[in-house]
């Protein structure tokens, strides 16, 4: 996924449009909290108010899960 806005925003919007609502899937982003791309971090922080986005600790990765059955997210959160 592109790490500069508007590329990151456009890529994110396209990825969400491609998600099949009834199937398990995920979207991942890199360069989250990167000093080189602060606009991407702000965008993902804002998006996380609407979508449940997880930051993978000690990385620059974030992930969103389409979890229609609730089986993925329940295993991630204790």
C-alpha atoms as a PDB file:
ATOM      1  CA  UNK A   1       0.000   0.000   0.000  1.00  0.00           C
ATOM      2  CA  UNK A   2       1.287   3.467  -0.772  1.00  0.00           C
ATOM      3  CA  UNK A   3       2.573   5.248   2.288  1.00  0.00           C
ATOM      4  CA  UNK A   4       2.046   8.856   1.234  1.00  0.00           C
ATOM      5  CA  UNK A   5      -1.240  10.648   1.372  1.00  0.00           C
ATOM      6  CA  UNK A   6      -3.182  10.782  -0.899  1.00  0.00           C
ATOM      7  CA  UNK A   7      -1.842   7.390  -2.097  1.00  0.00           C
ATOM      8  CA  UNK A   8      -2.403   5.767   1.297  1.00  0.00           C
ATOM      9  CA  UNK A   9      -5.914   7.164   1.506  1.00  0.00           C
ATOM     10  CA  UNK A  10      -6.811   6.141  -2.036  1.00  0.00           C
ATOM     11  CA  UNK A  11      -5.325   2.660  -1.575  1.00  0.00           C
ATOM     12  CA  UNK A  12      -7.232   2.275   1.697  1.00  0.00           C
ATOM     13  CA  UNK A  13     -10.537   3.331   0.155  1.00  0.00           C
ATOM     14  CA  UNK A  14      -9.981   0.915  -2.753  1.00  0.00           C
ATOM     15  CA  UNK A  15      -9.094  -1.914  -0.376  1.00  0.00           C
ATOM     16  CA  UNK A  16     -12.273  -1.403   1.659  1.00  0.00           C
ATOM     17  CA  UNK A  17     -14.323  -1.432  -1.551  1.00  0.00           C
ATOM     18  CA  UNK A  18     -12.824  -4.798  -2.533  1.00  0.00           C
ATOM     19  CA  UNK A  19     -13.657  -6.505   0.765  1.00  0.00           C
ATOM     20  CA  UNK A  20     -16.305  -9.208   0.411  1.00  0.00           C
ATOM     21  CA  UNK A  21     -18.574  -8.560   3.401  1.00  0.00           C
ATOM     22  CA  UNK A  22     -19.375 -12.245   3.945  1.00  0.00           C
ATOM     23  CA  UNK A  23     -15.747 -13.482   3.822  1.00  0.00           C
ATOM     24  CA  UNK A  24     -12.882 -13.227   6.284  1.00  0.00           C
ATOM     25  CA  UNK A  25     -10.255 -10.794   5.072  1.00  0.00           C
ATOM     26  CA  UNK A  26      -7.808  -8.178   6.284  1.00  0.00           C
ATOM     27  CA  UNK A  27      -6.140  -4.960   5.215  1.00  0.00           C
ATOM     28  CA  UNK A  28      -2.632  -4.144   6.392  1.00  0.00           C
ATOM     29  CA  UNK A  29      -0.720  -0.890   6.405  1.00  0.00           C
ATOM     30  CA  UNK A  30       2.982  -0.282   6.909  1.00  0.00           C
ATOM     31  CA  UNK A  31       4.837   2.872   7.987  1.00  0.00           C
ATOM     32  CA  UNK A  32       2.411   3.595  10.831  1.00  0.00           C
ATOM     33  CA  UNK A  33       4.147   5.937  13.304  1.00  0.00           C
ATOM     34  CA  UNK A  34       7.013   6.404  10.863  1.00  0.00           C
ATOM     35  CA  UNK A  35       8.620   9.817  11.262  1.00  0.00           C
ATOM     36  CA  UNK A  36       8.773   9.962   7.458  1.00  0.00           C
ATOM     37  CA  UNK A  37       4.995   9.707   7.016  1.00  0.00           C
ATOM     38  CA  UNK A  38       3.224  11.535   9.855  1.00  0.00           C
ATOM     39  CA  UNK A  39       0.197  12.232   7.622  1.00  0.00           C
ATOM     40  CA  UNK A  40      -0.376   8.486   7.207  1.00  0.00           C
ATOM     41  CA  UNK A  41      -0.337   8.010  10.986  1.00  0.00           C
ATOM     42  CA  UNK A  42      -2.854  10.845  11.431  1.00  0.00           C
ATOM     43  CA  UNK A  43      -5.068   9.382   8.709  1.00  0.00           C
ATOM     44  CA  UNK A  44      -5.046   5.898  10.278  1.00  0.00           C
ATOM     45  CA  UNK A  45      -5.663   7.317  13.756  1.00  0.00           C
ATOM     46  CA  UNK A  46      -8.692   9.161  12.391  1.00  0.00           C
ATOM     47  CA  UNK A  47      -9.892   6.105  10.469  1.00  0.00           C
ATOM     48  CA  UNK A  48      -9.598   3.980  13.615  1.00  0.00           C
ATOM     49  CA  UNK A  49     -12.447   6.022  15.113  1.00  0.00           C
ATOM     50  CA  UNK A  50     -14.715   4.418  12.489  1.00  0.00           C
ATOM     51  CA  UNK A  51     -12.990   1.076  11.853  1.00  0.00           C
ATOM     52  CA  UNK A  52     -11.379  -1.261  14.384  1.00  0.00           C
ATOM     53  CA  UNK A  53      -7.725  -0.995  13.362  1.00  0.00           C
ATOM     54  CA  UNK A  54      -5.053  -2.742  15.407  1.00  0.00           C
ATOM     55  CA  UNK A  55      -1.467  -1.564  15.720  1.00  0.00           C
ATOM     56  CA  UNK A  56       0.904  -4.530  15.941  1.00  0.00           C
ATOM     57  CA  UNK A  57       3.082  -3.737  18.932  1.00  0.00           C
ATOM     58  CA  UNK A  58       6.760  -2.930  18.308  1.00  0.00           C
ATOM     59  CA  UNK A  59       6.195  -2.622  14.550  1.00  0.00           C
ATOM     60  CA  UNK A  60       5.103  -0.015  12.033  1.00  0.00           C
ATOM     61  CA  UNK A  61       2.211  -2.263  10.987  1.00  0.00           C
ATOM     62  CA  UNK A  62      -1.539  -1.863  11.425  1.00  0.00           C
ATOM     63  CA  UNK A  63      -4.247  -4.296  10.454  1.00  0.00           C
ATOM     64  CA  UNK A  64      -8.012  -4.306  10.041  1.00  0.00           C
ATOM     65  CA  UNK A  65      -9.998  -7.555   9.952  1.00  0.00           C
ATOM     66  CA  UNK A  66     -13.278  -8.239   8.228  1.00  0.00           C
ATOM     67  CA  UNK A  67     -14.540 -10.779  10.724  1.00  0.00           C
ATOM     68  CA  UNK A  68     -18.159 -11.643   9.896  1.00  0.00           C
ATOM     69  CA  UNK A  69     -18.276 -14.574  12.341  1.00  0.00           C
ATOM     70  CA  UNK A  70     -16.434 -12.795  15.166  1.00  0.00           C
ATOM     71  CA  UNK A  71     -13.903 -15.618  15.383  1.00  0.00           C
ATOM     72  CA  UNK A  72     -10.718 -13.683  14.582  1.00  0.00           C
ATOM     73  CA  UNK A  73     -10.971 -10.594  16.749  1.00  0.00           C
ATOM     74  CA  UNK A  74     -12.156 -12.528  19.810  1.00  0.00           C
ATOM     75  CA  UNK A  75      -8.926 -14.563  19.655  1.00  0.00           C
ATOM     76  CA  UNK A  76      -6.786 -11.419  19.466  1.00  0.00           C
ATOM     77  CA  UNK A  77      -8.288  -9.574  22.400  1.00  0.00           C
ATOM     78  CA  UNK A  78      -8.248 -11.063  25.845  1.00  0.00           C
END
